[in-house]
Amino acid sequence: DQAVNKIENIIKKADRSTYRIRVIHGFHRGNHIQNAIY
């Protein structure tokens, strides 16, 4: 939940000069954050 909220805040603040947001979430402890992003 914290990760999704943080990502959504970054998306809201992104202006037209930003074309990509790279989220580094790791994968050794599972893919819960990645699944939540999708």
All heavy atoms as atom14 arrays in JSON, in Angstrom:
{
  "sequence": "DQAVNKIENIIKKADRSTYRIRVIHGFHRGNHIQNAIY",
  "atom14_mask": [
    [1, 1, 1, 1, 1, 1, 1, 1, 0, 0, 0, 0, 0, 0],
    [1, 1, 1, 1, 1, 1, 1, 1, 1, 0, 0, 0, 0, 0],
    [1, 1, 1, 1, 1, 0, 0, 0, 0, 0, 0, 0, 0, 0],
    [1, 1, 1, 1, 1, 1, 1, 0, 0, 0, 0, 0, 0, 0],
    [1, 1, 1, 1, 1, 1, 1, 1, 0, 0, 0, 0, 0, 0],
    [1, 1, 1, 1, 1, 1, 1, 1, 1, 0, 0, 0, 0, 0],
    [1, 1, 1, 1, 1, 1, 1, 1, 0, 0, 0, 0, 0, 0],
    [1, 1, 1, 1, 1, 1, 1, 1, 1, 0, 0, 0, 0, 0],
    [1, 1, 1, 1, 1, 1, 1, 1, 0, 0, 0, 0, 0, 0],
    [1, 1, 1, 1, 1, 1, 1, 1, 0, 0, 0, 0, 0, 0],
    [1, 1, 1, 1, 1, 1, 1, 1, 0, 0, 0, 0, 0, 0],
    [1, 1, 1, 1, 1, 1, 1, 1, 1, 0, 0, 0, 0, 0],
    [1, 1, 1, 1, 1, 1, 1, 1, 1, 0, 0, 0, 0, 0],
    [1, 1, 1, 1, 1, 0, 0, 0, 0, 0, 0, 0, 0, 0],
    [1, 1, 1, 1, 1, 1, 1, 1, 0, 0, 0, 0, 0, 0],
    [1, 1, 1, 1, 1, 1, 1, 1, 1, 1, 1, 0, 0, 0],
    [1, 1, 1, 1, 1, 1, 0, 0, 0, 0, 0, 0, 0, 0],
    [1, 1, 1, 1, 1, 1, 1, 0, 0, 0, 0, 0, 0, 0],
    [1, 1, 1, 1, 1, 1, 1, 1, 1, 1, 1, 1, 0, 0],
    [1, 1, 1, 1, 1, 1, 1, 1, 1, 1, 1, 0, 0, 0],
    [1, 1, 1, 1, 1, 1, 1, 1, 0, 0, 0, 0, 0, 0],
    [1, 1, 1, 1, 1, 1, 1, 1, 1, 1, 1, 0, 0, 0],
    [1, 1, 1, 1, 1, 1, 1, 0, 0, 0, 0, 0, 0, 0],
    [1, 1, 1, 1, 1, 1, 1, 1, 0, 0, 0, 0, 0, 0],
    [1, 1, 1, 1, 1, 1, 1, 1, 1, 1, 0, 0, 0, 0],
    [1, 1, 1, 1, 0, 0, 0, 0, 0, 0, 0, 0, 0, 0],
    [1, 1, 1, 1, 1, 1, 1, 1, 1, 1, 1, 0, 0, 0],
    [1, 1, 1, 1, 1, 1, 1, 1, 1, 1, 0, 0, 0, 0],
    [1, 1, 1, 1, 1, 1, 1, 1, 1, 1, 1, 0, 0, 0],
    [1, 1, 1, 1, 0, 0, 0, 0, 0, 0, 0, 0, 0, 0],
    [1, 1, 1, 1, 1, 1, 1, 1, 0, 0, 0, 0, 0, 0],
    [1, 1, 1, 1, 1, 1, 1, 1, 1, 1, 0, 0, 0, 0],
    [1, 1, 1, 1, 1, 1, 1, 1, 0, 0, 0, 0, 0, 0],
    [1, 1, 1, 1, 1, 1, 1, 1, 1, 0, 0, 0, 0, 0],
    [1, 1, 1, 1, 1, 1, 1, 1, 0, 0, 0, 0, 0, 0],
    [1, 1, 1, 1, 1, 0, 0, 0, 0, 0, 0, 0, 0, 0],
    [1, 1, 1, 1, 1, 1, 1, 1, 0, 0, 0, 0, 0, 0],
    [1, 1, 1, 1, 1, 1, 1, 1, 1, 1, 1, 1, 0, 0]
  ],
  "atom14_positions": [
    [[0.83, -1.21, 0.0], [0.0, 0.0, 0.0], [0.86, 1.26, 0.0], [0.57, 2.21, -0.72], [-0.94, 0.02, 1.2], [-2.06, -1.0, 1.08], [-2.37, -1.42, -0.04], [-2.63, -1.36, 2.14], [0.0, 0.0, 0.0], [0.0, 0.0, 0.0], [0.0, 0.0, 0.0], [0.0, 0.0, 0.0], [0.0, 0.0, 0.0], [0.0, 0.0, 0.0]],
    [[1.91, 1.28, 0.8], [2.8, 2.44, 0.84], [3.47, 2.66, -0.52], [3.58, 3.79, -0.99], [3.89, 2.26, 1.9], [3.39, 2.33, 3.32], [4.47, 1.93, 4.32], [5.35, 1.11, 4.03], [4.39, 2.5, 5.52], [0.0, 0.0, 0.0], [0.0, 0.0, 0.0], [0.0, 0.0, 0.0], [0.0, 0.0, 0.0], [0.0, 0.0, 0.0]],
    [[3.91, 1.57, -1.14], [4.57, 1.67, -2.43], [3.62, 2.2, -3.5], [3.98, 3.1, -4.27], [5.13, 0.31, -2.85], [0.0, 0.0, 0.0], [0.0, 0.0, 0.0], [0.0, 0.0, 0.0], [0.0, 0.0, 0.0], [0.0, 0.0, 0.0], [0.0, 0.0, 0.0], [0.0, 0.0, 0.0], [0.0, 0.0, 0.0], [0.0, 0.0, 0.0]],
    [[2.41, 1.68, -3.55], [1.44, 2.13, -4.55], [1.11, 3.61, -4.32], [1.04, 4.39, -5.28], [0.17, 1.25, -4.52], [-0.95, 1.88, -5.35], [0.48, -0.14, -5.04], [0.0, 0.0, 0.0], [0.0, 0.0, 0.0], [0.0, 0.0, 0.0], [0.0, 0.0, 0.0], [0.0, 0.0, 0.0], [0.0, 0.0, 0.0], [0.0, 0.0, 0.0]],
    [[0.92, 4.02, -3.08], [0.64, 5.43, -2.79], [1.79, 6.33, -3.22], [1.58, 7.4, -3.8], [0.35, 5.64, -1.31], [-1.01, 5.11, -0.91], [-1.91, 4.98, -1.73], [-1.15, 4.78, 0.36], [0.0, 0.0, 0.0], [0.0, 0.0, 0.0], [0.0, 0.0, 0.0], [0.0, 0.0, 0.0], [0.0, 0.0, 0.0], [0.0, 0.0, 0.0]],
    [[3.01, 5.91, -2.95], [4.18, 6.69, -3.34], [4.28, 6.81, -4.86], [4.54, 7.89, -5.4], [5.45, 6.05, -2.76], [6.68, 6.88, -2.93], [7.83, 6.28, -2.13], [9.05, 7.19, -2.21], [10.16, 6.71, -1.39], [0.0, 0.0, 0.0], [0.0, 0.0, 0.0], [0.0, 0.0, 0.0], [0.0, 0.0, 0.0], [0.0, 0.0, 0.0]],
    [[4.04, 5.7, -5.55], [4.09, 5.71, -7.02], [3.0, 6.61, -7.59], [3.24, 7.41, -8.5], [3.96, 4.27, -7.56], [5.16, 3.44, -7.14], [3.8, 4.27, -9.08], [4.97, 1.94, -7.29], [0.0, 0.0, 0.0], [0.0, 0.0, 0.0], [0.0, 0.0, 0.0], [0.0, 0.0, 0.0], [0.0, 0.0, 0.0], [0.0, 0.0, 0.0]],
    [[1.79, 6.52, -7.05], [0.69, 7.36, -7.53], [0.99, 8.84, -7.31], [0.65, 9.67, -8.16], [-0.63, 6.95, -6.87], [-1.16, 5.64, -7.4], [-2.41, 5.15, -6.7], [-2.66, 5.56, -5.53], [-3.14, 4.36, -7.32], [0.0, 0.0, 0.0], [0.0, 0.0, 0.0], [0.0, 0.0, 0.0], [0.0, 0.0, 0.0], [0.0, 0.0, 0.0]],
    [[1.63, 9.19, -6.2], [2.0, 10.58, -5.95], [3.03, 11.07, -6.97], [2.95, 12.21, -7.44], [2.52, 10.77, -4.53], [1.42, 10.73, -3.5], [0.28, 11.05, -3.8], [1.75, 10.33, -2.29], [0.0, 0.0, 0.0], [0.0, 0.0, 0.0], [0.0, 0.0, 0.0], [0.0, 0.0, 0.0], [0.0, 0.0, 0.0], [0.0, 0.0, 0.0]],
    [[3.99, 10.23, -7.31], [4.98, 10.59, -8.31], [4.31, 10.79, -9.67], [4.62, 11.74, -10.4], [6.09, 9.51, -8.41], [6.88, 9.44, -7.1], [7.0, 9.76, -9.6], [7.73, 10.64, -6.79], [0.0, 0.0, 0.0], [0.0, 0.0, 0.0], [0.0, 0.0, 0.0], [0.0, 0.0, 0.0], [0.0, 0.0, 0.0], [0.0, 0.0, 0.0]],
    [[3.38, 9.91, -10.01], [2.66, 10.06, -11.28], [1.91, 11.38, -11.33], [1.95, 12.1, -12.34], [1.69, 8.88, -11.51], [2.46, 7.57, -11.7], [0.78, 9.13, -12.71], [1.58, 6.33, -11.66], [0.0, 0.0, 0.0], [0.0, 0.0, 0.0], [0.0, 0.0, 0.0], [0.0, 0.0, 0.0], [0.0, 0.0, 0.0], [0.0, 0.0, 0.0]],
    [[1.23, 11.73, -10.25], [0.48, 13.0, -10.19], [1.38, 14.2, -10.39], [1.01, 15.17, -11.03], [-0.24, 13.13, -8.84], [-1.45, 12.28, -8.7], [-2.07, 12.49, -7.32], [-3.09, 11.42, -7.02], [-3.59, 11.51, -5.64], [0.0, 0.0, 0.0], [0.0, 0.0, 0.0], [0.0, 0.0, 0.0], [0.0, 0.0, 0.0], [0.0, 0.0, 0.0]],
    [[2.59, 14.15, -9.82], [3.51, 15.28, -9.88], [4.31, 15.35, -11.18], [4.93, 16.37, -11.47], [4.47, 15.23, -8.7], [3.79, 15.45, -7.37], [4.76, 15.31, -6.23], [4.05, 15.42, -4.89], [4.96, 15.19, -3.77], [0.0, 0.0, 0.0], [0.0, 0.0, 0.0], [0.0, 0.0, 0.0], [0.0, 0.0, 0.0], [0.0, 0.0, 0.0]],
    [[4.31, 14.28, -11.96], [5.1, 14.25, -13.19], [4.54, 15.23, -14.21], [3.34, 15.28, -14.45], [5.11, 12.83, -13.77], [0.0, 0.0, 0.0], [0.0, 0.0, 0.0], [0.0, 0.0, 0.0], [0.0, 0.0, 0.0], [0.0, 0.0, 0.0], [0.0, 0.0, 0.0], [0.0, 0.0, 0.0], [0.0, 0.0, 0.0], [0.0, 0.0, 0.0]],
    [[5.44, 16.03, -14.81], [5.0, 16.95, -15.84], [5.28, 16.38, -17.23], [5.7, 15.23, -17.36], [5.63, 18.34, -15.64], [7.14, 18.34, -15.79], [7.7, 17.4, -16.37], [7.77, 19.31, -15.32], [0.0, 0.0, 0.0], [0.0, 0.0, 0.0], [0.0, 0.0, 0.0], [0.0, 0.0, 0.0], [0.0, 0.0, 0.0], [0.0, 0.0, 0.0]],
    [[5.04, 17.17, -18.26], [5.17, 16.69, -19.64], [6.59, 16.3, -20.02], [6.78, 15.57, -20.99], [4.67, 17.77, -20.62], [3.2, 17.95, -20.64], [2.45, 16.86, -21.36], [2.92, 16.66, -22.72], [2.87, 15.5, -23.36], [2.38, 14.45, -22.77], [3.31, 15.39, -24.58], [0.0, 0.0, 0.0], [0.0, 0.0, 0.0], [0.0, 0.0, 0.0]],
    [[7.59, 16.79, -19.3], [8.96, 16.44, -19.63], [9.31, 15.01, -19.2], [10.28, 14.44, -19.67], [9.94, 17.43, -19.01], [9.89, 17.35, -17.6], [0.0, 0.0, 0.0], [0.0, 0.0, 0.0], [0.0, 0.0, 0.0], [0.0, 0.0, 0.0], [0.0, 0.0, 0.0], [0.0, 0.0, 0.0], [0.0, 0.0, 0.0], [0.0, 0.0, 0.0]],
    [[8.52, 14.43, -18.31], [8.76, 13.06, -17.84], [8.02, 12.08, -18.74], [6.82, 12.21, -18.95], [8.28, 12.9, -16.39], [8.96, 13.83, -15.57], [8.52, 11.48, -15.89], [0.0, 0.0, 0.0], [0.0, 0.0, 0.0], [0.0, 0.0, 0.0], [0.0, 0.0, 0.0], [0.0, 0.0, 0.0], [0.0, 0.0, 0.0], [0.0, 0.0, 0.0]],
    [[8.74, 11.13, -19.31], [8.09, 10.13, -20.15], [8.13, 8.73, -19.56], [7.44, 7.83, -20.05], [8.65, 10.15, -21.57], [10.1, 9.76, -21.7], [10.48, 8.43, -21.81], [11.09, 10.73, -21.73], [11.8, 8.08, -21.93], [12.42, 10.38, -21.86], [12.77, 9.06, -21.97], [14.08, 8.71, -22.09], [0.0, 0.0, 0.0], [0.0, 0.0, 0.0]],
    [[8.88, 8.54, -18.48], [8.99, 7.19, -17.91], [9.26, 7.28, -16.42], [10.03, 8.12, -15.97], [10.12, 6.44, -18.6], [10.16, 4.98, -18.33], [11.18, 4.31, -19.23], [10.72, 4.34, -20.6], [10.44, 3.26, -21.33], [10.61, 2.07, -20.81], [10.03, 3.37, -22.57], [0.0, 0.0, 0.0], [0.0, 0.0, 0.0], [0.0, 0.0, 0.0]],
    [[8.61, 6.4, -15.66], [8.89, 6.27, -14.24], [9.38, 4.85, -14.01], [8.68, 3.88, -14.31], [7.63, 6.56, -13.39], [7.17, 8.0, -13.61], [7.91, 6.28, -11.91], [5.85, 8.33, -12.96], [0.0, 0.0, 0.0], [0.0, 0.0, 0.0], [0.0, 0.0, 0.0], [0.0, 0.0, 0.0], [0.0, 0.0, 0.0], [0.0, 0.0, 0.0]],
    [[10.59, 4.75, -13.51], [11.23, 3.45, -13.26], [11.06, 3.12, -11.78], [11.6, 3.81, -10.92], [12.7, 3.51, -13.65], [13.44, 2.21, -13.5], [14.82, 2.31, -14.1], [14.72, 2.53, -15.53], [15.46, 3.39, -16.22], [16.36, 4.13, -15.62], [15.3, 3.53, -17.52], [0.0, 0.0, 0.0], [0.0, 0.0, 0.0], [0.0, 0.0, 0.0]],
    [[10.31, 2.05, -11.5], [10.05, 1.64, -10.11], [10.97, 0.47, -9.79], [10.9, -0.59, -10.43], [8.58, 1.23, -9.92], [8.34, 0.84, -8.48], [7.64, 2.36, -10.35], [0.0, 0.0, 0.0], [0.0, 0.0, 0.0], [0.0, 0.0, 0.0], [0.0, 0.0, 0.0], [0.0, 0.0, 0.0], [0.0, 0.0, 0.0], [0.0, 0.0, 0.0]],
    [[11.81, 0.66, -8.79], [12.73, -0.39, -8.35], [12.1, -1.01, -7.11], [12.03, -0.39, -6.05], [14.12, 0.19, -8.04], [14.66, 0.92, -9.27], [15.07, -0.91, -7.58], [15.83, 1.82, -9.0], [0.0, 0.0, 0.0], [0.0, 0.0, 0.0], [0.0, 0.0, 0.0], [0.0, 0.0, 0.0], [0.0, 0.0, 0.0], [0.0, 0.0, 0.0]],
    [[11.61, -2.24, -7.27], [10.88, -2.89, -6.18], [11.53, -4.17, -5.71], [11.17, -4.71, -4.68], [9.44, -3.18, -6.6], [9.3, -3.83, -7.93], [9.65, -5.14, -8.17], [8.87, -3.32, -9.1], [9.42, -5.42, -9.45], [8.95, -4.33, -10.04], [0.0, 0.0, 0.0], [0.0, 0.0, 0.0], [0.0, 0.0, 0.0], [0.0, 0.0, 0.0]],
    [[12.5, -4.68, -6.43], [13.16, -5.93, -6.05], [12.29, -7.13, -6.4], [11.13, -7.0, -6.77], [0.0, 0.0, 0.0], [0.0, 0.0, 0.0], [0.0, 0.0, 0.0], [0.0, 0.0, 0.0], [0.0, 0.0, 0.0], [0.0, 0.0, 0.0], [0.0, 0.0, 0.0], [0.0, 0.0, 0.0], [0.0, 0.0, 0.0], [0.0, 0.0, 0.0]],
    [[12.89, -8.32, -6.28], [12.13, -9.53, -6.57], [12.47, -10.69, -5.66], [11.82, -11.73, -5.71], [12.31, -9.93, -8.05], [13.7, -10.39, -8.4], [14.03, -11.73, -8.41], [14.67, -9.46, -8.71], [15.3, -12.14, -8.73], [15.95, -9.87, -9.05], [16.26, -11.2, -9.05], [0.0, 0.0, 0.0], [0.0, 0.0, 0.0], [0.0, 0.0, 0.0]],
    [[13.45, -10.54, -4.81], [13.85, -11.65, -3.95], [12.81, -12.0, -2.9], [12.74, -13.13, -2.45], [15.2, -11.36, -3.28], [16.34, -11.4, -4.23], [16.74, -12.55, -4.87], [17.17, -10.43, -4.67], [17.76, -12.29, -5.65], [18.04, -11.01, -5.55], [0.0, 0.0, 0.0], [0.0, 0.0, 0.0], [0.0, 0.0, 0.0], [0.0, 0.0, 0.0]],
    [[12.02, -11.06, -2.49], [11.0, -11.31, -1.47], [9.61, -11.43, -2.06], [8.61, -11.22, -1.38], [11.03, -10.2, -0.43], [12.32, -10.2, 0.34], [12.3, -9.18, 1.43], [13.6, -9.18, 2.08], [13.76, -9.09, 3.36], [12.73, -8.96, 4.15], [14.97, -9.09, 3.88], [0.0, 0.0, 0.0], [0.0, 0.0, 0.0], [0.0, 0.0, 0.0]],
    [[9.52, -11.74, -3.32], [8.22, -11.9, -3.97], [7.91, -10.72, -4.88], [8.65, -9.76, -4.95], [0.0, 0.0, 0.0], [0.0, 0.0, 0.0], [0.0, 0.0, 0.0], [0.0, 0.0, 0.0], [0.0, 0.0, 0.0], [0.0, 0.0, 0.0], [0.0, 0.0, 0.0], [0.0, 0.0, 0.0], [0.0, 0.0, 0.0], [0.0, 0.0, 0.0]],
    [[6.8, -10.84, -5.55], [6.44, -9.8, -6.52], [5.12, -9.11, -6.15], [4.36, -8.73, -7.01], [6.38, -10.39, -7.92], [5.44, -11.56, -8.03], [4.89, -12.02, -7.04], [5.23, -12.04, -9.24], [0.0, 0.0, 0.0], [0.0, 0.0, 0.0], [0.0, 0.0, 0.0], [0.0, 0.0, 0.0], [0.0, 0.0, 0.0], [0.0, 0.0, 0.0]],
    [[4.89, -8.93, -4.88], [3.64, -8.31, -4.42], [3.5, -6.88, -4.94], [2.42, -6.49, -5.39], [3.56, -8.31, -2.89], [3.67, -9.67, -2.3], [2.67, -10.61, -2.41], [4.67, -10.26, -1.61], [3.05, -11.72, -1.8], [4.27, -11.54, -1.31], [0.0, 0.0, 0.0], [0.0, 0.0, 0.0], [0.0, 0.0, 0.0], [0.0, 0.0, 0.0]],
    [[4.57, -6.11, -4.86], [4.5, -4.72, -5.32], [4.33, -4.67, -6.83], [3.51, -3.9, -7.34], [5.74, -3.92, -4.86], [5.72, -3.78, -3.33], [5.8, -2.56, -5.53], [6.94, -3.14, -2.73], [0.0, 0.0, 0.0], [0.0, 0.0, 0.0], [0.0, 0.0, 0.0], [0.0, 0.0, 0.0], [0.0, 0.0, 0.0], [0.0, 0.0, 0.0]],
    [[5.04, -5.51, -7.54], [4.89, -5.54, -9.0], [3.45, -5.89, -9.39], [2.86, -5.25, -10.26], [5.87, -6.55, -9.6], [5.82, -6.58, -11.12], [6.79, -7.6, -11.68], [7.0, -8.65, -11.08], [7.37, -7.29, -12.82], [0.0, 0.0, 0.0], [0.0, 0.0, 0.0], [0.0, 0.0, 0.0], [0.0, 0.0, 0.0], [0.0, 0.0, 0.0]],
    [[2.89, -6.89, -8.75], [1.49, -7.25, -9.04], [0.54, -6.11, -8.72], [-0.41, -5.86, -9.47], [1.09, -8.49, -8.24], [1.77, -9.75, -8.73], [2.24, -9.81, -9.87], [1.83, -10.75, -7.88], [0.0, 0.0, 0.0], [0.0, 0.0, 0.0], [0.0, 0.0, 0.0], [0.0, 0.0, 0.0], [0.0, 0.0, 0.0], [0.0, 0.0, 0.0]],
    [[0.8, -5.4, -7.63], [-0.06, -4.27, -7.26], [0.04, -3.13, -8.27], [-0.95, -2.47, -8.57], [0.32, -3.76, -5.87], [0.0, 0.0, 0.0], [0.0, 0.0, 0.0], [0.0, 0.0, 0.0], [0.0, 0.0, 0.0], [0.0, 0.0, 0.0], [0.0, 0.0, 0.0], [0.0, 0.0, 0.0], [0.0, 0.0, 0.0], [0.0, 0.0, 0.0]],
    [[1.22, -2.93, -8.84], [1.38, -1.9, -9.87], [0.47, -2.22, -11.05], [-0.27, -1.36, -11.54], [2.85, -1.79, -10.32], [3.7, -1.21, -9.19], [2.97, -0.95, -11.59], [5.19, -1.29, -9.44], [0.0, 0.0, 0.0], [0.0, 0.0, 0.0], [0.0, 0.0, 0.0], [0.0, 0.0, 0.0], [0.0, 0.0, 0.0], [0.0, 0.0, 0.0]],
    [[0.5, -3.45, -11.52], [-0.35, -3.84, -12.65], [-1.83, -3.76, -12.27], [-2.66, -3.31, -13.06], [-0.01, -5.26, -13.11], [1.22, -5.32, -13.97], [2.46, -5.6, -13.42], [1.14, -5.12, -15.34], [3.6, -5.66, -14.21], [2.26, -5.18, -16.14], [3.49, -5.45, -15.58], [4.61, -5.51, -16.37], [0.0, 0.0, 0.0], [0.0, 0.0, 0.0]]
  ]
}
